Structure formats: C-alpha cells, structure tokens
Amino acid sequence: MRLYPIPVPAGAPPWLNLLLLAGGIVVFVVLLWQAVRYFRNNNNADDDES
C-alpha cells in the first residue's frame, strides 16, 4: 500500500492491510450516514417552530 501505509506487525499477511482499510472506510461511511440523518431530522424540527 503506497498511497497510505497502515502500520501492521512485521510478517503479517498482505490481506490484513486491505481488511484494515476496508474497516476504516466502513467506519467513515457509517459516521457520514449518521451525520446526514441527524441533520435531516433536526432540520425538519426547526421549520415547524417558526
């Protein structure tokens, strides 16, 4: 992985890098999805008050 090296123990199998990268992407997507859901739900509540 030359773009963003993920530190793994020496002698670890190469698929471990891909597994860690996939896990990081999943965490990022879930956080983004939660943020979008939060702001969509709260935006509707603000419109009702005025």
PDB file of N, CA and C in Angstrom:
ATOM      1  N   MET A   1       0.849  -1.183   0.000  1.00  0.00           N
ATOM      2  CA  MET A   1       0.000   0.000   0.000  1.00  0.00           C
ATOM      3  C   MET A   1       0.892   1.243   0.000  1.00  0.00           C
ATOM      4  N   ARG A   2       1.025   1.859  -1.126  1.00  0.00           N
ATOM      5  CA  ARG A   2       1.891   3.027  -1.219  1.00  0.00           C
ATOM      6  C   ARG A   2       1.146   4.334  -0.986  1.00  0.00           C
ATOM      7  N   LEU A   3      -0.167   4.356  -1.176  1.00  0.00           N
ATOM      8  CA  LEU A   3      -0.902   5.605  -1.008  1.00  0.00           C
ATOM      9  C   LEU A   3      -0.957   6.019   0.461  1.00  0.00           C
ATOM     10  N   TYR A   4      -1.357   5.124   1.319  1.00  0.00           N
ATOM     11  CA  TYR A   4      -1.445   5.405   2.748  1.00  0.00           C
ATOM     12  C   TYR A   4      -1.054   4.146   3.505  1.00  0.00           C
ATOM     13  N   PRO A   5       0.203   4.057   3.934  1.00  0.00           N
ATOM     14  CA  PRO A   5       0.641   2.835   4.606  1.00  0.00           C
ATOM     15  C   PRO A   5      -0.006   2.690   5.983  1.00  0.00           C
ATOM     16  N   ILE A   6      -0.562   1.531   6.227  1.00  0.00           N
ATOM     17  CA  ILE A   6      -1.179   1.228   7.515  1.00  0.00           C
ATOM     18  C   ILE A   6      -0.185   0.373   8.295  1.00  0.00           C
ATOM     19  N   PRO A   7       0.193   0.808   9.503  1.00  0.00           N
ATOM     20  CA  PRO A   7       1.186   0.033  10.253  1.00  0.00           C
ATOM     21  C   PRO A   7       0.606  -1.289  10.754  1.00  0.00           C
ATOM     22  N   VAL A   8       1.205  -2.369  10.320  1.00  0.00           N
ATOM     23  CA  VAL A   8       0.837  -3.705  10.783  1.00  0.00           C
ATOM     24  C   VAL A   8       2.114  -4.396  11.250  1.00  0.00           C
ATOM     25  N   PRO A   9       1.985  -5.405  12.075  1.00  0.00           N
ATOM     26  CA  PRO A   9       3.182  -6.111  12.535  1.00  0.00           C
ATOM     27  C   PRO A   9       3.976  -6.699  11.365  1.00  0.00           C
ATOM     28  N   ALA A  10       5.273  -6.784  11.547  1.00  0.00           N
ATOM     29  CA  ALA A  10       6.131  -7.360  10.512  1.00  0.00           C
ATOM     30  C   ALA A  10       5.755  -8.817  10.296  1.00  0.00           C
ATOM     31  N   GLY A  11       5.698  -9.228   9.056  1.00  0.00           N
ATOM     32  CA  GLY A  11       5.355 -10.601   8.731  1.00  0.00           C
ATOM     33  C   GLY A  11       3.863 -10.859   8.665  1.00  0.00           C
ATOM     34  N   ALA A  12       3.066  -9.824   8.788  1.00  0.00           N
ATOM     35  CA  ALA A  12       1.611 -10.002   8.703  1.00  0.00           C
ATOM     36  C   ALA A  12       1.226 -10.270   7.251  1.00  0.00           C
ATOM     37  N   PRO A  13       0.175 -11.033   7.026  1.00  0.00           N
ATOM     38  CA  PRO A  13      -0.245 -11.311   5.648  1.00  0.00           C
ATOM     39  C   PRO A  13      -0.715 -10.029   4.950  1.00  0.00           C
ATOM     40  N   PRO A  14      -0.526  -9.944   3.639  1.00  0.00           N
ATOM     41  CA  PRO A  14      -0.875  -8.705   2.924  1.00  0.00           C
ATOM     42  C   PRO A  14      -2.365  -8.383   2.946  1.00  0.00           C
ATOM     43  N   TRP A  15      -3.223  -9.375   3.100  1.00  0.00           N
ATOM     44  CA  TRP A  15      -4.656  -9.083   3.119  1.00  0.00           C
ATOM     45  C   TRP A  15      -5.074  -8.333   4.377  1.00  0.00           C
ATOM     46  N   LEU A  16      -4.214  -8.330   5.395  1.00  0.00           N
ATOM     47  CA  LEU A  16      -4.538  -7.604   6.622  1.00  0.00           C
ATOM     48  C   LEU A  16      -4.620  -6.102   6.363  1.00  0.00           C
ATOM     49  N   ASN A  17      -3.748  -5.586   5.496  1.00  0.00           N
ATOM     50  CA  ASN A  17      -3.818  -4.168   5.121  1.00  0.00           C
ATOM     51  C   ASN A  17      -5.163  -3.845   4.484  1.00  0.00           C
ATOM     52  N   LEU A  18      -5.610  -4.696   3.584  1.00  0.00           N
ATOM     53  CA  LEU A  18      -6.887  -4.451   2.914  1.00  0.00           C
ATOM     54  C   LEU A  18      -8.051  -4.544   3.896  1.00  0.00           C
ATOM     55  N   LEU A  19      -7.962  -5.463   4.849  1.00  0.00           N
ATOM     56  CA  LEU A  19      -9.014  -5.600   5.850  1.00  0.00           C
ATOM     57  C   LEU A  19      -9.101  -4.350   6.720  1.00  0.00           C
ATOM     58  N   LEU A  20      -7.959  -3.833   7.149  1.00  0.00           N
ATOM     59  CA  LEU A  20      -7.955  -2.617   7.959  1.00  0.00           C
ATOM     60  C   LEU A  20      -8.452  -1.414   7.164  1.00  0.00           C
ATOM     61  N   LEU A  21      -8.065  -1.329   5.906  1.00  0.00           N
ATOM     62  CA  LEU A  21      -8.527  -0.234   5.053  1.00  0.00           C
ATOM     63  C   LEU A  21     -10.038  -0.312   4.849  1.00  0.00           C
ATOM     64  N   ALA A  22     -10.556  -1.504   4.599  1.00  0.00           N
ATOM     65  CA  ALA A  22     -12.000  -1.676   4.419  1.00  0.00           C
ATOM     66  C   ALA A  22     -12.745  -1.313   5.706  1.00  0.00           C
ATOM     67  N   GLY A  23     -12.211  -1.695   6.841  1.00  0.00           N
ATOM     68  CA  GLY A  23     -12.838  -1.337   8.116  1.00  0.00           C
ATOM     69  C   GLY A  23     -12.873   0.167   8.334  1.00  0.00           C
ATOM     70  N   GLY A  24     -11.792   0.849   7.983  1.00  0.00           N
ATOM     71  CA  GLY A  24     -11.756   2.306   8.103  1.00  0.00           C
ATOM     72  C   GLY A  24     -12.766   2.982   7.194  1.00  0.00           C
ATOM     73  N   ILE A  25     -12.907   2.465   5.984  1.00  0.00           N
ATOM     74  CA  ILE A  25     -13.884   3.029   5.047  1.00  0.00           C
ATOM     75  C   ILE A  25     -15.299   2.818   5.568  1.00  0.00           C
ATOM     76  N   VAL A  26     -15.565   1.640   6.115  1.00  0.00           N
ATOM     77  CA  VAL A  26     -16.901   1.357   6.660  1.00  0.00           C
ATOM     78  C   VAL A  26     -17.212   2.303   7.819  1.00  0.00           C
ATOM     79  N   VAL A  27     -16.259   2.519   8.707  1.00  0.00           N
ATOM     80  CA  VAL A  27     -16.476   3.430   9.838  1.00  0.00           C
ATOM     81  C   VAL A  27     -16.763   4.838   9.333  1.00  0.00           C
ATOM     82  N   PHE A  28     -16.011   5.310   8.343  1.00  0.00           N
ATOM     83  CA  PHE A  28     -16.220   6.644   7.786  1.00  0.00           C
ATOM     84  C   PHE A  28     -17.605   6.773   7.164  1.00  0.00           C
ATOM     85  N   VAL A  29     -18.019   5.776   6.399  1.00  0.00           N
ATOM     86  CA  VAL A  29     -19.333   5.820   5.738  1.00  0.00           C
ATOM     87  C   VAL A  29     -20.455   5.820   6.775  1.00  0.00           C
ATOM     88  N   VAL A  30     -20.320   5.023   7.824  1.00  0.00           N
ATOM     89  CA  VAL A  30     -21.360   4.983   8.860  1.00  0.00           C
ATOM     90  C   VAL A  30     -21.448   6.326   9.580  1.00  0.00           C
ATOM     91  N   LEU A  31     -20.316   6.933   9.906  1.00  0.00           N
ATOM     92  CA  LEU A  31     -20.344   8.244  10.559  1.00  0.00           C
ATOM     93  C   LEU A  31     -20.960   9.307   9.658  1.00  0.00           C
ATOM     94  N   LEU A  32     -20.637   9.273   8.382  1.00  0.00           N
ATOM     95  CA  LEU A  32     -21.219  10.215   7.428  1.00  0.00           C
ATOM     96  C   LEU A  32     -22.726  10.008   7.327  1.00  0.00           C
ATOM     97  N   TRP A  33     -23.168   8.764   7.261  1.00  0.00           N
ATOM     98  CA  TRP A  33     -24.594   8.449   7.175  1.00  0.00           C
ATOM     99  C   TRP A  33     -25.331   8.935   8.423  1.00  0.00           C
ATOM    100  N   GLN A  34     -24.730   8.728   9.598  1.00  0.00           N
ATOM    101  CA  GLN A  34     -25.355   9.186  10.837  1.00  0.00           C
ATOM    102  C   GLN A  34     -25.455  10.711  10.880  1.00  0.00           C
ATOM    103  N   ALA A  35     -24.432  11.403  10.406  1.00  0.00           N
ATOM    104  CA  ALA A  35     -24.462  12.868  10.396  1.00  0.00           C
ATOM    105  C   ALA A  35     -25.546  13.382   9.459  1.00  0.00           C
ATOM    106  N   VAL A  36     -25.666  12.800   8.287  1.00  0.00           N
ATOM    107  CA  VAL A  36     -26.699  13.223   7.339  1.00  0.00           C
ATOM    108  C   VAL A  36     -28.073  12.971   7.936  1.00  0.00           C
ATOM    109  N   ARG A  37     -28.263  11.825   8.548  1.00  0.00           N
ATOM    110  CA  ARG A  37     -29.553  11.502   9.164  1.00  0.00           C
ATOM    111  C   ARG A  37     -29.890  12.470  10.289  1.00  0.00           C
ATOM    112  N   TYR A  38     -28.893  12.815  11.094  1.00  0.00           N
ATOM    113  CA  TYR A  38     -29.104  13.735  12.215  1.00  0.00           C
ATOM    114  C   TYR A  38     -29.536  15.109  11.711  1.00  0.00           C
ATOM    115  N   PHE A  39     -28.820  15.642  10.726  1.00  0.00           N
ATOM    116  CA  PHE A  39     -29.138  16.984  10.251  1.00  0.00           C
ATOM    117  C   PHE A  39     -30.447  17.016   9.475  1.00  0.00           C
ATOM    118  N   ARG A  40     -30.799  15.955   8.796  1.00  0.00           N
ATOM    119  CA  ARG A  40     -32.094  15.917   8.112  1.00  0.00           C
ATOM    120  C   ARG A  40     -33.231  15.927   9.122  1.00  0.00           C
ATOM    121  N   ASN A  41     -33.113  15.146  10.184  1.00  0.00           N
ATOM    122  CA  ASN A  41     -34.171  15.074  11.195  1.00  0.00           C
ATOM    123  C   ASN A  41     -34.303  16.388  11.956  1.00  0.00           C
ATOM    124  N   ASN A  42     -33.194  17.025  12.301  1.00  0.00           N
ATOM    125  CA  ASN A  42     -33.253  18.270  13.065  1.00  0.00           C
ATOM    126  C   ASN A  42     -33.658  19.447  12.197  1.00  0.00           C
ATOM    127  N   ASN A  43     -33.413  19.394  10.919  1.00  0.00           N
ATOM    128  CA  ASN A  43     -33.804  20.475  10.023  1.00  0.00           C
ATOM    129  C   ASN A  43     -35.321  20.574   9.957  1.00  0.00           C
ATOM    130  N   ASN A  44     -36.008  19.456   9.952  1.00  0.00           N
ATOM    131  CA  ASN A  44     -37.466  19.460   9.914  1.00  0.00           C
ATOM    132  C   ASN A  44     -38.049  20.026  11.207  1.00  0.00           C
ATOM    133  N   ALA A  45     -37.426  19.777  12.336  1.00  0.00           N
ATOM    134  CA  ALA A  45     -37.923  20.279  13.613  1.00  0.00           C
ATOM    135  C   ALA A  45     -37.807  21.801  13.671  1.00  0.00           C
ATOM    136  N   ASP A  46     -36.760  22.377  13.095  1.00  0.00           N
ATOM    137  CA  ASP A  46     -36.584  23.829  13.101  1.00  0.00           C
ATOM    138  C   ASP A  46     -37.629  24.521  12.238  1.00  0.00           C
ATOM    139  N   ASP A  47     -38.052  23.901  11.157  1.00  0.00           N
ATOM    140  CA  ASP A  47     -39.038  24.513  10.269  1.00  0.00           C
ATOM    141  C   ASP A  47     -40.408  24.594  10.927  1.00  0.00           C
ATOM    142  N   ASP A  48     -40.732  23.654  11.799  1.00  0.00           N
ATOM    143  CA  ASP A  48     -42.055  23.616  12.417  1.00  0.00           C
ATOM    144  C   ASP A  48     -42.233  24.714  13.466  1.00  0.00           C
ATOM    145  N   GLU A  49     -41.141  25.167  14.087  1.00  0.00           N
ATOM    146  CA  GLU A  49     -41.246  26.136  15.172  1.00  0.00           C
ATOM    147  C   GLU A  49     -41.574  27.536  14.678  1.00  0.00           C
ATOM    148  N   SER A  50     -41.205  27.907  13.484  1.00  0.00           N
ATOM    149  CA  SER A  50     -41.396  29.287  13.026  1.00  0.00           C
ATOM    150  C   SER A  50     -42.723  29.529  12.371  1.00  0.00           C
TER     151      SER A  50
END
